Amino acid sequence: MPWVWLIVGGLFEVGFTTSLRFVDGFRNVPWTLAFLASVAVSMGLLEVASRSIPMGTAYAVWGSIGAVGTVLVGILWFQEPSSTIRILLILGIVAAIAALKLTA
């Protein structure tokens, strides 16, 4: 179950980075609330997962899920570049996450 919490926490990290795009200096209240809620849930789930998963592994996986997810959101919804090298690097991050899971 800790891995499930860690993955969900990583997905909420994607939520807070995406929300951050719209907070407008924290003047946009709905997006600011979404950002704050996502940060709280994401960090809370990281803390819960790290009770059973080594902190270094948990943080690396959590951050990587957030990074890959944020890049994918950027490509799919915000027309950010999707070059071959970018996709290959994302796949490298995913491979590193899988390797960390196998060693934990």
PDB file of N, CA and C in Angstrom:
ATOM      1  N   MET A   1       0.801  -1.214   0.000  1.00  0.00           N
ATOM      2  CA  MET A   1       0.000   0.000   0.000  1.00  0.00           C
ATOM      3  C   MET A   1       0.841   1.276   0.000  1.00  0.00           C
ATOM      4  N   PRO A   2       2.039   1.289   0.626  1.00  0.00           N
ATOM      5  CA  PRO A   2       2.842   2.520   0.604  1.00  0.00           C
ATOM      6  C   PRO A   2       3.181   2.980  -0.815  1.00  0.00           C
ATOM      7  N   TRP A   3       3.384   2.030  -1.726  1.00  0.00           N
ATOM      8  CA  TRP A   3       3.688   2.419  -3.101  1.00  0.00           C
ATOM      9  C   TRP A   3       2.487   3.072  -3.768  1.00  0.00           C
ATOM     10  N   VAL A   4       1.302   2.617  -3.436  1.00  0.00           N
ATOM     11  CA  VAL A   4       0.091   3.253  -3.983  1.00  0.00           C
ATOM     12  C   VAL A   4       0.010   4.695  -3.493  1.00  0.00           C
ATOM     13  N   TRP A   5       0.246   4.900  -2.178  1.00  0.00           N
ATOM     14  CA  TRP A   5       0.201   6.264  -1.632  1.00  0.00           C
ATOM     15  C   TRP A   5       1.257   7.147  -2.293  1.00  0.00           C
ATOM     16  N   LEU A   6       2.425   6.560  -2.534  1.00  0.00           N
ATOM     17  CA  LEU A   6       3.501   7.326  -3.154  1.00  0.00           C
ATOM     18  C   LEU A   6       3.135   7.738  -4.583  1.00  0.00           C
ATOM     19  N   ILE A   7       2.562   6.830  -5.334  1.00  0.00           N
ATOM     20  CA  ILE A   7       2.154   7.141  -6.714  1.00  0.00           C
ATOM     21  C   ILE A   7       1.056   8.201  -6.716  1.00  0.00           C
ATOM     22  N   VAL A   8       0.070   8.042  -5.862  1.00  0.00           N
ATOM     23  CA  VAL A   8      -1.010   9.042  -5.786  1.00  0.00           C
ATOM     24  C   VAL A   8      -0.438  10.397  -5.359  1.00  0.00           C
ATOM     25  N   GLY A   9       0.478  10.388  -4.411  1.00  0.00           N
ATOM     26  CA  GLY A   9       1.131  11.630  -3.998  1.00  0.00           C
ATOM     27  C   GLY A   9       1.881  12.282  -5.149  1.00  0.00           C
ATOM     28  N   GLY A  10       2.549  11.477  -5.958  1.00  0.00           N
ATOM     29  CA  GLY A  10       3.233  11.996  -7.137  1.00  0.00           C
ATOM     30  C   GLY A  10       2.264  12.605  -8.138  1.00  0.00           C
ATOM     31  N   LEU A  11       1.101  11.995  -8.277  1.00  0.00           N
ATOM     32  CA  LEU A  11       0.086  12.553  -9.182  1.00  0.00           C
ATOM     33  C   LEU A  11      -0.452  13.880  -8.655  1.00  0.00           C
ATOM     34  N   PHE A  12      -0.591  13.993  -7.340  1.00  0.00           N
ATOM     35  CA  PHE A  12      -1.002  15.280  -6.769  1.00  0.00           C
ATOM     36  C   PHE A  12       0.087  16.335  -6.943  1.00  0.00           C
ATOM     37  N   GLU A  13       1.337  15.891  -7.038  1.00  0.00           N
ATOM     38  CA  GLU A  13       2.411  16.844  -7.343  1.00  0.00           C
ATOM     39  C   GLU A  13       2.196  17.433  -8.737  1.00  0.00           C
ATOM     40  N   VAL A  14       1.768  16.610  -9.666  1.00  0.00           N
ATOM     41  CA  VAL A  14       1.421  17.119 -11.004  1.00  0.00           C
ATOM     42  C   VAL A  14       0.293  18.141 -10.878  1.00  0.00           C
ATOM     43  N   GLY A  15      -0.656  17.878  -9.988  1.00  0.00           N
ATOM     44  CA  GLY A  15      -1.745  18.817  -9.762  1.00  0.00           C
ATOM     45  C   GLY A  15      -1.261  20.147  -9.248  1.00  0.00           C
ATOM     46  N   PHE A  16      -0.300  20.135  -8.310  1.00  0.00           N
ATOM     47  CA  PHE A  16       0.129  21.432  -7.781  1.00  0.00           C
ATOM     48  C   PHE A  16       1.035  22.176  -8.753  1.00  0.00           C
ATOM     49  N   THR A  17       1.827  21.464  -9.549  1.00  0.00           N
ATOM     50  CA  THR A  17       2.632  22.188 -10.534  1.00  0.00           C
ATOM     51  C   THR A  17       1.763  22.757 -11.651  1.00  0.00           C
ATOM     52  N   THR A  18       0.727  22.026 -12.024  1.00  0.00           N
ATOM     53  CA  THR A  18      -0.189  22.542 -13.043  1.00  0.00           C
ATOM     54  C   THR A  18      -0.979  23.724 -12.498  1.00  0.00           C
ATOM     55  N   SER A  19      -1.452  23.633 -11.268  1.00  0.00           N
ATOM     56  CA  SER A  19      -2.175  24.743 -10.643  1.00  0.00           C
ATOM     57  C   SER A  19      -1.298  25.985 -10.530  1.00  0.00           C
ATOM     58  N   LEU A  20      -0.024  25.766 -10.247  1.00  0.00           N
ATOM     59  CA  LEU A  20       0.902  26.879 -10.086  1.00  0.00           C
ATOM     60  C   LEU A  20       0.965  27.748 -11.339  1.00  0.00           C
ATOM     61  N   ARG A  21       0.728  27.141 -12.478  1.00  0.00           N
ATOM     62  CA  ARG A  21       0.720  27.873 -13.752  1.00  0.00           C
ATOM     63  C   ARG A  21      -0.366  28.953 -13.769  1.00  0.00           C
ATOM     64  N   PHE A  22      -1.429  28.774 -12.999  1.00  0.00           N
ATOM     65  CA  PHE A  22      -2.601  29.649 -13.074  1.00  0.00           C
ATOM     66  C   PHE A  22      -2.832  30.531 -11.841  1.00  0.00           C
ATOM     67  N   VAL A  23      -1.978  30.444 -10.825  1.00  0.00           N
ATOM     68  CA  VAL A  23      -2.269  31.173  -9.585  1.00  0.00           C
ATOM     69  C   VAL A  23      -2.125  32.687  -9.716  1.00  0.00           C
ATOM     70  N   ASP A  24      -1.380  33.146 -10.714  1.00  0.00           N
ATOM     71  CA  ASP A  24      -1.248  34.584 -10.989  1.00  0.00           C
ATOM     72  C   ASP A  24      -0.817  35.353  -9.742  1.00  0.00           C
ATOM     73  N   GLY A  25       0.338  34.985  -9.224  1.00  0.00           N
ATOM     74  CA  GLY A  25       0.832  35.661  -8.023  1.00  0.00           C
ATOM     75  C   GLY A  25      -0.050  35.416  -6.811  1.00  0.00           C
ATOM     76  N   PHE A  26      -0.747  34.306  -6.804  1.00  0.00           N
ATOM     77  CA  PHE A  26      -1.679  33.905  -5.744  1.00  0.00           C
ATOM     78  C   PHE A  26      -2.884  34.837  -5.639  1.00  0.00           C
ATOM     79  N   ARG A  27      -3.171  35.552  -6.735  1.00  0.00           N
ATOM     80  CA  ARG A  27      -4.370  36.403  -6.769  1.00  0.00           C
ATOM     81  C   ARG A  27      -5.582  35.652  -7.313  1.00  0.00           C
ATOM     82  N   ASN A  28      -5.368  34.578  -8.037  1.00  0.00           N
ATOM     83  CA  ASN A  28      -6.463  33.763  -8.565  1.00  0.00           C
ATOM     84  C   ASN A  28      -6.834  32.746  -7.475  1.00  0.00           C
ATOM     85  N   VAL A  29      -7.857  33.065  -6.717  1.00  0.00           N
ATOM     86  CA  VAL A  29      -8.182  32.303  -5.498  1.00  0.00           C
ATOM     87  C   VAL A  29      -8.510  30.831  -5.786  1.00  0.00           C
ATOM     88  N   PRO A  30      -9.367  30.501  -6.762  1.00  0.00           N
ATOM     89  CA  PRO A  30      -9.659  29.076  -6.976  1.00  0.00           C
ATOM     90  C   PRO A  30      -8.406  28.256  -7.315  1.00  0.00           C
ATOM     91  N   TRP A  31      -7.546  28.791  -8.168  1.00  0.00           N
ATOM     92  CA  TRP A  31      -6.331  28.056  -8.517  1.00  0.00           C
ATOM     93  C   TRP A  31      -5.348  28.022  -7.352  1.00  0.00           C
ATOM     94  N   THR A  32      -5.325  29.071  -6.557  1.00  0.00           N
ATOM     95  CA  THR A  32      -4.469  29.080  -5.371  1.00  0.00           C
ATOM     96  C   THR A  32      -4.926  28.014  -4.379  1.00  0.00           C
ATOM     97  N   LEU A  33      -6.232  27.896  -4.187  1.00  0.00           N
ATOM     98  CA  LEU A  33      -6.759  26.857  -3.299  1.00  0.00           C
ATOM     99  C   LEU A  33      -6.455  25.459  -3.838  1.00  0.00           C
ATOM    100  N   ALA A  34      -6.581  25.285  -5.160  1.00  0.00           N
ATOM    101  CA  ALA A  34      -6.242  23.994  -5.775  1.00  0.00           C
ATOM    102  C   ALA A  34      -4.765  23.681  -5.568  1.00  0.00           C
ATOM    103  N   PHE A  35      -3.922  24.699  -5.732  1.00  0.00           N
ATOM    104  CA  PHE A  35      -2.486  24.531  -5.512  1.00  0.00           C
ATOM    105  C   PHE A  35      -2.210  24.106  -4.064  1.00  0.00           C
ATOM    106  N   LEU A  36      -2.771  24.835  -3.109  1.00  0.00           N
ATOM    107  CA  LEU A  36      -2.524  24.535  -1.694  1.00  0.00           C
ATOM    108  C   LEU A  36      -3.040  23.156  -1.296  1.00  0.00           C
ATOM    109  N   ALA A  37      -4.223  22.796  -1.779  1.00  0.00           N
ATOM    110  CA  ALA A  37      -4.774  21.471  -1.476  1.00  0.00           C
ATOM    111  C   ALA A  37      -3.898  20.374  -2.078  1.00  0.00           C
ATOM    112  N   SER A  38      -3.465  20.571  -3.318  1.00  0.00           N
ATOM    113  CA  SER A  38      -2.624  19.567  -3.974  1.00  0.00           C
ATOM    114  C   SER A  38      -1.283  19.408  -3.271  1.00  0.00           C
ATOM    115  N   VAL A  39      -0.689  20.525  -2.852  1.00  0.00           N
ATOM    116  CA  VAL A  39       0.581  20.460  -2.116  1.00  0.00           C
ATOM    117  C   VAL A  39       0.387  19.687  -0.815  1.00  0.00           C
ATOM    118  N   ALA A  40      -0.663  19.997  -0.095  1.00  0.00           N
ATOM    119  CA  ALA A  40      -0.903  19.340   1.190  1.00  0.00           C
ATOM    120  C   ALA A  40      -1.098  17.837   1.020  1.00  0.00           C
ATOM    121  N   VAL A  41      -1.932  17.450   0.066  1.00  0.00           N
ATOM    122  CA  VAL A  41      -2.183  16.018  -0.153  1.00  0.00           C
ATOM    123  C   VAL A  41      -0.910  15.331  -0.624  1.00  0.00           C
ATOM    124  N   SER A  42      -0.208  15.945  -1.570  1.00  0.00           N
ATOM    125  CA  SER A  42       1.000  15.349  -2.119  1.00  0.00           C
ATOM    126  C   SER A  42       2.058  15.128  -1.045  1.00  0.00           C
ATOM    127  N   MET A  43       2.327  16.160  -0.261  1.00  0.00           N
ATOM    128  CA  MET A  43       3.334  16.042   0.807  1.00  0.00           C
ATOM    129  C   MET A  43       2.885  15.069   1.897  1.00  0.00           C
ATOM    130  N   GLY A  44       1.601  15.098   2.213  1.00  0.00           N
ATOM    131  CA  GLY A  44       1.078  14.172   3.212  1.00  0.00           C
ATOM    132  C   GLY A  44       1.237  12.727   2.789  1.00  0.00           C
ATOM    133  N   LEU A  45       0.943  12.439   1.535  1.00  0.00           N
ATOM    134  CA  LEU A  45       1.076  11.067   1.048  1.00  0.00           C
ATOM    135  C   LEU A  45       2.538  10.653   0.940  1.00  0.00           C
ATOM    136  N   LEU A  46       3.417  11.588   0.604  1.00  0.00           N
ATOM    137  CA  LEU A  46       4.853  11.288   0.610  1.00  0.00           C
ATOM    138  C   LEU A  46       5.286  10.899   2.022  1.00  0.00           C
ATOM    139  N   GLU A  47       4.817  11.634   3.011  1.00  0.00           N
ATOM    140  CA  GLU A  47       5.176  11.334   4.399  1.00  0.00           C
ATOM    141  C   GLU A  47       4.669   9.953   4.809  1.00  0.00           C
ATOM    142  N   VAL A  48       3.428   9.635   4.450  1.00  0.00           N
ATOM    143  CA  VAL A  48       2.862   8.326   4.791  1.00  0.00           C
ATOM    144  C   VAL A  48       3.658   7.212   4.116  1.00  0.00           C
ATOM    145  N   ALA A  49       3.955   7.391   2.833  1.00  0.00           N
ATOM    146  CA  ALA A  49       4.697   6.358   2.101  1.00  0.00           C
ATOM    147  C   ALA A  49       6.098   6.172   2.665  1.00  0.00           C
ATOM    148  N   SER A  50       6.720   7.275   3.095  1.00  0.00           N
ATOM    149  CA  SER A  50       8.110   7.181   3.566  1.00  0.00           C
ATOM    150  C   SER A  50       8.236   6.497   4.926  1.00  0.00           C
ATOM    151  N   ARG A  51       7.121   6.178   5.551  1.00  0.00           N
ATOM    152  CA  ARG A  51       7.179   5.381   6.783  1.00  0.00           C
ATOM    153  C   ARG A  51       7.631   3.960   6.485  1.00  0.00           C
ATOM    154  N   SER A  52       7.339   3.478   5.261  1.00  0.00           N
ATOM    155  CA  SER A  52       7.669   2.100   4.891  1.00  0.00           C
ATOM    156  C   SER A  52       8.711   2.006   3.784  1.00  0.00           C
ATOM    157  N   ILE A  53       8.834   3.049   2.994  1.00  0.00           N
ATOM    158  CA  ILE A  53       9.789   3.079   1.885  1.00  0.00           C
ATOM    159  C   ILE A  53      10.941   3.983   2.317  1.00  0.00           C
ATOM    160  N   PRO A  54      12.180   3.588   2.045  1.00  0.00           N
ATOM    161  CA  PRO A  54      13.300   4.474   2.413  1.00  0.00           C
ATOM    162  C   PRO A  54      13.090   5.878   1.842  1.00  0.00           C
ATOM    163  N   MET A  55      13.369   6.897   2.645  1.00  0.00           N
ATOM    164  CA  MET A  55      13.073   8.275   2.260  1.00  0.00           C
ATOM    165  C   MET A  55      13.720   8.670   0.943  1.00  0.00           C
ATOM    166  N   GLY A  56      14.976   8.300   0.738  1.00  0.00           N
ATOM    167  CA  GLY A  56      15.650   8.652  -0.509  1.00  0.00           C
ATOM    168  C   GLY A  56      14.938   8.073  -1.720  1.00  0.00           C
ATOM    169  N   THR A  57      14.533   6.826  -1.605  1.00  0.00           N
ATOM    170  CA  THR A  57      13.803   6.175  -2.698  1.00  0.00           C
ATOM    171  C   THR A  57      12.438   6.822  -2.878  1.00  0.00           C
ATOM    172  N   ALA A  58      11.731   7.023  -1.774  1.00  0.00           N
ATOM    173  CA  ALA A  58      10.389   7.612  -1.854  1.00  0.00           C
ATOM    174  C   ALA A  58      10.438   8.993  -2.498  1.00  0.00           C
ATOM    175  N   TYR A  59      11.382   9.815  -2.073  1.00  0.00           N
ATOM    176  CA  TYR A  59      11.468  11.176  -2.606  1.00  0.00           C
ATOM    177  C   TYR A  59      11.839  11.158  -4.082  1.00  0.00           C
ATOM    178  N   ALA A  60      12.770  10.306  -4.468  1.00  0.00           N
ATOM    179  CA  ALA A  60      13.174  10.226  -5.874  1.00  0.00           C
ATOM    180  C   ALA A  60      12.008   9.777  -6.753  1.00  0.00           C
ATOM    181  N   VAL A  61      11.263   8.786  -6.291  1.00  0.00           N
ATOM    182  CA  VAL A  61      10.126   8.297  -7.072  1.00  0.00           C
ATOM    183  C   VAL A  61       9.027   9.358  -7.127  1.00  0.00           C
ATOM    184  N   TRP A  62       8.707   9.944  -5.989  1.00  0.00           N
ATOM    185  CA  TRP A  62       7.675  10.989  -5.909  1.00  0.00           C
ATOM    186  C   TRP A  62       8.015  12.153  -6.830  1.00  0.00           C
ATOM    187  N   GLY A  63       9.247  12.639  -6.733  1.00  0.00           N
ATOM    188  CA  GLY A  63       9.667  13.758  -7.572  1.00  0.00           C
ATOM    189  C   GLY A  63       9.682  13.408  -9.052  1.00  0.00           C
ATOM    190  N   SER A  64      10.072  12.188  -9.350  1.00  0.00           N
ATOM    191  CA  SER A  64      10.106  11.760 -10.751  1.00  0.00           C
ATOM    192  C   SER A  64       8.714  11.633 -11.341  1.00  0.00           C
ATOM    193  N   ILE A  65       7.786  11.107 -10.560  1.00  0.00           N
ATOM    194  CA  ILE A  65       6.397  11.038 -11.028  1.00  0.00           C
ATOM    195  C   ILE A  65       5.886  12.444 -11.311  1.00  0.00           C
ATOM    196  N   GLY A  66       6.170  13.358 -10.400  1.00  0.00           N
ATOM    197  CA  GLY A  66       5.759  14.740 -10.595  1.00  0.00           C
ATOM    198  C   GLY A  66       6.400  15.365 -11.820  1.00  0.00           C
ATOM    199  N   ALA A  67       7.703  15.127 -11.998  1.00  0.00           N
ATOM    200  CA  ALA A  67       8.416  15.717 -13.132  1.00  0.00           C
ATOM    201  C   ALA A  67       7.911  15.162 -14.460  1.00  0.00           C
ATOM    202  N   VAL A  68       7.805  13.849 -14.552  1.00  0.00           N
ATOM    203  CA  VAL A  68       7.321  13.234 -15.793  1.00  0.00           C
ATOM    204  C   VAL A  68       5.884  13.655 -16.059  1.00  0.00           C
ATOM    205  N   GLY A  69       5.048  13.621 -15.037  1.00  0.00           N
ATOM    206  CA  GLY A  69       3.648  14.014 -15.215  1.00  0.00           C
ATOM    207  C   GLY A  69       3.503  15.461 -15.649  1.00  0.00           C
ATOM    208  N   THR A  70       4.320  16.343 -15.060  1.00  0.00           N
ATOM    209  CA  THR A  70       4.250  17.752 -15.407  1.00  0.00           C
ATOM    210  C   THR A  70       4.708  17.979 -16.844  1.00  0.00           C
ATOM    211  N   VAL A  71       5.745  17.285 -17.271  1.00  0.00           N
ATOM    212  CA  VAL A  71       6.185  17.390 -18.664  1.00  0.00           C
ATOM    213  C   VAL A  71       5.089  16.898 -19.604  1.00  0.00           C
ATOM    214  N   LEU A  72       4.462  15.782 -19.259  1.00  0.00           N
ATOM    215  CA  LEU A  72       3.385  15.251 -20.116  1.00  0.00           C
ATOM    216  C   LEU A  72       2.182  16.188 -20.174  1.00  0.00           C
ATOM    217  N   VAL A  73       1.813  16.780 -19.047  1.00  0.00           N
ATOM    218  CA  VAL A  73       0.724  17.772 -19.049  1.00  0.00           C
ATOM    219  C   VAL A  73       1.106  18.943 -19.955  1.00  0.00           C
ATOM    220  N   GLY A  74       2.346  19.396 -19.859  1.00  0.00           N
ATOM    221  CA  GLY A  74       2.804  20.489 -20.704  1.00  0.00           C
ATOM    222  C   GLY A  74       2.715  20.153 -22.180  1.00  0.00           C
ATOM    223  N   ILE A  75       3.104  18.947 -22.529  1.00  0.00           N
ATOM    224  CA  ILE A  75       3.056  18.518 -23.937  1.00  0.00           C
ATOM    225  C   ILE A  75       1.611  18.363 -24.406  1.00  0.00           C
ATOM    226  N   LEU A  76       0.787  17.711 -23.600  1.00  0.00           N
ATOM    227  CA  LEU A  76      -0.576  17.383 -24.029  1.00  0.00           C
ATOM    228  C   LEU A  76      -1.533  18.569 -23.986  1.00  0.00           C
ATOM    229  N   TRP A  77      -1.380  19.469 -23.005  1.00  0.00           N
ATOM    230  CA  TRP A  77      -2.373  20.547 -22.847  1.00  0.00           C
ATOM    231  C   TRP A  77      -1.849  21.952 -23.120  1.00  0.00           C
ATOM    232  N   PHE A  78      -0.525  22.127 -23.066  1.00  0.00           N
ATOM    233  CA  PHE A  78       0.011  23.482 -23.199  1.00  0.00           C
ATOM    234  C   PHE A  78       0.960  23.630 -24.380  1.00  0.00           C
ATOM    235  N   GLN A  79       0.916  22.683 -25.307  1.00  0.00           N
ATOM    236  CA  GLN A  79       1.671  22.728 -26.555  1.00  0.00           C
ATOM    237  C   GLN A  79       3.177  22.943 -26.350  1.00  0.00           C
ATOM    238  N   GLU A  80       3.704  22.391 -25.277  1.00  0.00           N
ATOM    239  CA  GLU A  80       5.153  22.440 -25.079  1.00  0.00           C
ATOM    240  C   GLU A  80       5.801  21.455 -26.049  1.00  0.00           C
ATOM    241  N   PRO A  81       7.075  21.659 -26.387  1.00  0.00           N
ATOM    242  CA  PRO A  81       7.727  20.803 -27.386  1.00  0.00           C
ATOM    243  C   PRO A  81       7.767  19.332 -26.967  1.00  0.00           C
ATOM    244  N   SER A  82       7.642  18.468 -27.937  1.00  0.00           N
ATOM    245  CA  SER A  82       7.693  17.018 -27.676  1.00  0.00           C
ATOM    246  C   SER A  82       8.707  16.372 -28.612  1.00  0.00           C
ATOM    247  N   SER A  83       9.920  16.845 -28.569  1.00  0.00           N
ATOM    248  CA  SER A  83      10.969  16.325 -29.440  1.00  0.00           C
ATOM    249  C   SER A  83      11.318  14.889 -29.049  1.00  0.00           C
ATOM    250  N   THR A  84      11.972  14.220 -29.961  1.00  0.00           N
ATOM    251  CA  THR A  84      12.383  12.837 -29.717  1.00  0.00           C
ATOM    252  C   THR A  84      13.286  12.740 -28.496  1.00  0.00           C
ATOM    253  N   ILE A  85      14.228  13.662 -28.378  1.00  0.00           N
ATOM    254  CA  ILE A  85      15.146  13.604 -27.233  1.00  0.00           C
ATOM    255  C   ILE A  85      14.405  13.813 -25.912  1.00  0.00           C
ATOM    256  N   ARG A  86      13.418  14.693 -25.907  1.00  0.00           N
ATOM    257  CA  ARG A  86      12.628  14.904 -24.679  1.00  0.00           C
ATOM    258  C   ARG A  86      11.897  13.630 -24.281  1.00  0.00           C
ATOM    259  N   ILE A  87      11.277  12.974 -25.244  1.00  0.00           N
ATOM    260  CA  ILE A  87      10.547  11.728 -24.974  1.00  0.00           C
ATOM    261  C   ILE A  87      11.515  10.655 -24.477  1.00  0.00           C
ATOM    262  N   LEU A  88      12.688  10.545 -25.102  1.00  0.00           N
ATOM    263  CA  LEU A  88      13.672   9.554 -24.657  1.00  0.00           C
ATOM    264  C   LEU A  88      14.143   9.834 -23.229  1.00  0.00           C
ATOM    265  N   LEU A  89      14.341  11.097 -22.904  1.00  0.00           N
ATOM    266  CA  LEU A  89      14.751  11.441 -21.542  1.00  0.00           C
ATOM    267  C   LEU A  89      13.653  11.126 -20.527  1.00  0.00           C
ATOM    268  N   ILE A  90      12.403  11.365 -20.889  1.00  0.00           N
ATOM    269  CA  ILE A  90      11.283  11.007 -20.009  1.00  0.00           C
ATOM    270  C   ILE A  90      11.261   9.503 -19.786  1.00  0.00           C
ATOM    271  N   LEU A  91      11.466   8.736 -20.862  1.00  0.00           N
ATOM    272  CA  LEU A  91      11.511   7.278 -20.718  1.00  0.00           C
ATOM    273  C   LEU A  91      12.674   6.854 -19.820  1.00  0.00           C
ATOM    274  N   GLY A  92      13.784   7.581 -19.867  1.00  0.00           N
ATOM    275  CA  GLY A  92      14.910   7.304 -18.974  1.00  0.00           C
ATOM    276  C   GLY A  92      14.532   7.511 -17.514  1.00  0.00           C
ATOM    277  N   ILE A  93      13.778   8.573 -17.247  1.00  0.00           N
ATOM    278  CA  ILE A  93      13.313   8.815 -15.871  1.00  0.00           C
ATOM    279  C   ILE A  93      12.397   7.679 -15.423  1.00  0.00           C
ATOM    280  N   VAL A  94      11.486   7.275 -16.289  1.00  0.00           N
ATOM    281  CA  VAL A  94      10.569   6.169 -15.964  1.00  0.00           C
ATOM    282  C   VAL A  94      11.354   4.894 -15.693  1.00  0.00           C
ATOM    283  N   ALA A  95      12.388   4.620 -16.483  1.00  0.00           N
ATOM    284  CA  ALA A  95      13.211   3.436 -16.259  1.00  0.00           C
ATOM    285  C   ALA A  95      13.911   3.518 -14.907  1.00  0.00           C
ATOM    286  N   ALA A  96      14.392   4.709 -14.539  1.00  0.00           N
ATOM    287  CA  ALA A  96      15.053   4.868 -13.241  1.00  0.00           C
ATOM    288  C   ALA A  96      14.074   4.659 -12.097  1.00  0.00           C
ATOM    289  N   ILE A  97      12.838   5.128 -12.244  1.00  0.00           N
ATOM    290  CA  ILE A  97      11.814   4.899 -11.220  1.00  0.00           C
ATOM    291  C   ILE A  97      11.572   3.410 -11.048  1.00  0.00           C
ATOM    292  N   ALA A  98      11.417   2.714 -12.159  1.00  0.00           N
ATOM    293  CA  ALA A  98      11.192   1.259 -12.106  1.00  0.00           C
ATOM    294  C   ALA A  98      12.359   0.558 -11.425  1.00  0.00           C
ATOM    295  N   ALA A  99      13.582   0.970 -11.734  1.00  0.00           N
ATOM    296  CA  ALA A  99      14.753   0.353 -11.117  1.00  0.00           C
ATOM    297  C   ALA A  99      14.793   0.608  -9.613  1.00  0.00           C
ATOM    298  N   LEU A 100      14.440   1.818  -9.181  1.00  0.00           N
ATOM    299  CA  LEU A 100      14.384   2.109  -7.745  1.00  0.00           C
ATOM    300  C   LEU A 100      13.354   1.227  -7.049  1.00  0.00           C
ATOM    301  N   LYS A 101      12.198   1.052  -7.689  1.00  0.00           N
ATOM    302  CA  LYS A 101      11.151   0.203  -7.088  1.00  0.00           C
ATOM    303  C   LYS A 101      11.663  -1.214  -6.918  1.00  0.00           C
ATOM    304  N   LEU A 102      12.400  -1.711  -7.910  1.00  0.00           N
ATOM    305  CA  LEU A 102      12.900  -3.079  -7.848  1.00  0.00           C
ATOM    306  C   LEU A 102      13.961  -3.270  -6.765  1.00  0.00           C
ATOM    307  N   THR A 103      14.661  -2.189  -6.406  1.00  0.00           N
ATOM    308  CA  THR A 103      15.707  -2.312  -5.392  1.00  0.00           C
ATOM    309  C   THR A 103      15.223  -1.990  -3.993  1.00  0.00           C
ATOM    310  N   ALA A 104      14.002  -1.449  -3.857  1.00  0.00           N
ATOM    311  CA  ALA A 104      13.510  -1.038  -2.533  1.00  0.00           C
ATOM    312  C   ALA A 104      13.072  -2.231  -1.715  1.00  0.00           C
TER     313      ALA A 104
END
